[in-house]
Structures are given as structure tokens and as C-alpha cells.
Protein backbone atom coordinates (compact mmCIF):
# COMPACT_ATOMS: atom_id res chain seq x y z
CA MET A 1 121.15 -76.57 28.89
CA ARG A 2 118.58 -78.39 30.99
CA ILE A 3 115.68 -79.62 28.90
CA GLY A 4 112.05 -80.44 29.49
CA LEU A 5 111.09 -82.74 26.61
CA LEU A 6 107.46 -82.85 25.48
CA GLY A 7 106.78 -86.21 23.87
CA PHE A 8 108.73 -89.43 23.48
CA GLY A 9 107.74 -90.69 20.06
CA THR A 10 110.20 -90.94 17.18
CA VAL A 11 111.30 -87.28 17.40
CA GLY A 12 111.32 -87.05 21.18
CA LYS A 13 113.29 -90.25 21.57
CA GLY A 14 115.76 -88.97 18.96
CA VAL A 15 116.24 -85.74 20.91
CA TYR A 16 116.75 -87.72 24.11
CA GLU A 17 119.36 -89.97 22.48
CA LEU A 18 121.14 -87.05 20.83
CA THR A 19 121.47 -85.12 24.08
CA GLY A 20 122.62 -88.22 25.96
CA ALA A 21 125.98 -88.05 24.21
CA ARG A 22 126.55 -84.39 25.08
CA GLU A 23 127.85 -82.81 28.25
CA ASP A 24 126.32 -79.39 27.59
CA MET A 25 122.72 -80.67 27.38
CA GLN A 26 120.63 -82.84 29.65
CA VAL A 27 117.01 -83.94 29.38
CA VAL A 28 115.76 -83.49 32.95
CA ARG A 29 112.06 -84.31 32.53
CA VAL A 30 110.01 -85.98 29.81
CA LEU A 31 106.29 -85.46 29.35
CA CYS A 32 104.88 -88.74 28.09
CA ARG A 33 101.39 -90.27 28.07
CA ARG A 34 102.59 -93.86 28.38
CA GLU A 35 104.50 -95.48 31.21
CA LEU A 36 108.20 -95.08 30.64
CA GLU A 37 111.33 -95.37 32.75
CA LEU A 38 114.51 -93.53 31.86
CA PRO A 39 117.82 -93.83 33.69
CA ASP A 40 118.62 -90.13 33.83
CA ALA A 41 115.36 -88.19 33.42
CA GLN A 42 112.10 -88.01 35.32
CA VAL A 43 109.01 -89.01 33.36
CA THR A 44 105.80 -87.13 34.05
CA HIS A 45 102.25 -87.10 32.78
CA ASN A 46 101.75 -83.53 33.99
CA PHE A 47 103.11 -80.57 32.01
CA GLU A 48 102.98 -78.42 35.16
CA ASP A 49 105.92 -80.45 36.52
CA ILE A 50 108.05 -79.09 33.67
CA LEU A 51 106.74 -75.53 34.04
CA ARG A 52 107.44 -75.45 37.77
CA ASP A 53 110.92 -76.93 37.52
CA ASP A 54 113.18 -73.89 37.79
CA THR A 55 116.21 -75.93 36.73
CA ILE A 56 114.72 -76.41 33.24
CA ASP A 57 115.69 -73.54 30.95
CA THR A 58 114.59 -75.01 27.61
CA VAL A 59 111.47 -76.87 26.50
CA VAL A 60 111.68 -79.05 23.39
CA GLU A 61 108.23 -79.65 21.89
CA ALA A 62 108.05 -82.99 20.09
CA ILE A 63 104.37 -83.87 20.37
CA GLY A 64 103.20 -82.33 17.10
CA GLY A 65 99.80 -81.01 16.12
CA LEU A 66 98.21 -77.78 17.31
CA HIS A 67 96.71 -78.67 20.66
CA PRO A 68 97.93 -79.02 23.32
CA ALA A 69 101.28 -78.16 21.68
CA PHE A 70 100.36 -74.48 21.35
CA GLU A 71 99.24 -74.17 24.96
CA TYR A 72 102.38 -75.93 26.22
CA VAL A 73 104.71 -73.77 24.11
CA ARG A 74 102.89 -70.56 25.07
CA ASP A 75 102.96 -71.45 28.76
CA ALA A 76 106.64 -72.41 28.60
CA ILE A 77 107.47 -69.03 27.05
CA LEU A 78 105.40 -67.24 29.68
CA ALA A 79 107.30 -69.19 32.34
CA GLY A 80 110.56 -67.77 30.96
CA LYS A 81 111.79 -70.91 29.22
CA HIS A 82 113.35 -71.07 25.75
CA VAL A 83 111.46 -73.27 23.28
CA VAL A 84 112.64 -75.47 20.42
CA THR A 85 110.15 -77.05 18.01
CA ALA A 86 109.99 -78.62 14.58
CA ASN A 87 106.19 -78.48 14.58
CA LYS A 88 105.20 -77.08 11.19
CA ALA A 89 101.49 -76.73 11.99
CA LEU A 90 102.22 -74.92 15.24
CA ILE A 91 104.62 -72.43 13.68
CA ALA A 92 102.48 -71.81 10.60
CA THR A 93 99.43 -71.12 12.76
CA TYR A 94 100.80 -69.37 15.84
CA TYR A 95 104.19 -67.84 14.98
CA ASP A 96 102.79 -64.29 14.89
CA GLU A 97 101.31 -64.79 18.34
CA LEU A 98 104.31 -66.55 19.89
CA LEU A 99 107.07 -64.24 18.64
CA PRO A 100 105.91 -61.15 20.57
CA LEU A 101 105.65 -63.29 23.72
CA THR A 102 109.26 -64.40 23.35
CA GLN A 103 110.37 -60.81 22.95
CA ARG A 104 108.38 -59.72 26.00
CA MET A 105 109.72 -62.60 28.12
CA GLY A 106 113.32 -62.37 26.84
CA VAL A 107 113.46 -65.97 25.64
CA MET A 108 114.09 -67.62 22.29
CA LEU A 109 111.80 -69.63 20.02
CA ARG A 110 113.90 -71.82 17.75
CA CYS A 111 111.88 -73.30 14.92
CA THR A 112 114.07 -73.53 11.80
CA ALA A 113 113.55 -77.31 11.72
CA SER A 114 109.86 -76.63 11.07
CA VAL A 115 110.69 -74.97 7.75
CA GLY A 116 113.69 -77.11 6.79
CA GLY A 117 112.01 -78.36 3.65
CA GLY A 118 111.77 -74.78 2.39
CA ILE A 119 115.40 -73.87 2.87
CA GLY A 120 116.37 -74.72 -0.71
CA TRP A 121 113.80 -72.48 -2.31
CA LEU A 122 114.18 -69.75 0.31
CA SER A 123 117.84 -69.33 -0.64
CA GLU A 124 116.83 -69.31 -4.32
CA LEU A 125 114.31 -66.55 -3.64
CA GLU A 126 117.01 -64.53 -1.91
CA ARG A 127 119.36 -65.02 -4.86
CA VAL A 128 116.72 -63.99 -7.42
CA ARG A 129 115.78 -60.92 -5.39
CA ARG A 130 119.30 -59.51 -5.64
């Protein structure tokens, strides 16, 4: 998996460090507003660099909020890239719009981390429903 990482705050840096220890994942480019040098990934201030990079198959959104996160995620999906996000606001607001796009483009939107706090009660609801 070759990753375009959006954001390098606490979450983005954690993703970068986590993938650094794996051979099956590599962060190729990082979108970051501040100046940053990384030994094994290109840093960019322009999201288009990630969209146009055909070697990137997955975009990890770690910037949070609604905008420009929504536009970046939507455009990544439309560019045929899988997307991973833990952005609760984004998923709560735009899931119904993003899901049909993923189906049309044949890519995946992975967002279970955005609802992780609800997992305990979701399983309880399933149990009660039976």
C-alpha cells in the first residue's frame, strides 16, 4: 500500500510512525502546511501532488474538520484512490454522499475509527435486537 497522508499533527505523525515499521505500507507523500523534512516521504503543500501521483493507491485523511477534508476525500475517491479516515465530523456529515462515490469508483472508504467510541453500545444494540 502506497499512502498519501493528509496532515502531520498528532494523528498524522502516528500513522507515519506506524507505517514506518511495516513492509506492506509506505507513506509516499505528506500534505503539511508547515515546513517539514522526512527521510522517506515527500512533503508537499499542494494536495494536487497527491492526486496526480499514480503510485499512491490510498489516501489517509488526518487533518480533521469538514473543510477542506471533505473536498480532499471526495477528490481522492474520484481519482480512484482508497480513503481511510477517523474524522467523525466528516463521516457524520458526508457519509451518505461519499459512499455512492466509492461504489461508482470501485474504491473503499474505511472509517470505523471515526465511530470507535460507539462500538460498545452498537454491539449491545445488536444483542438486544435479537
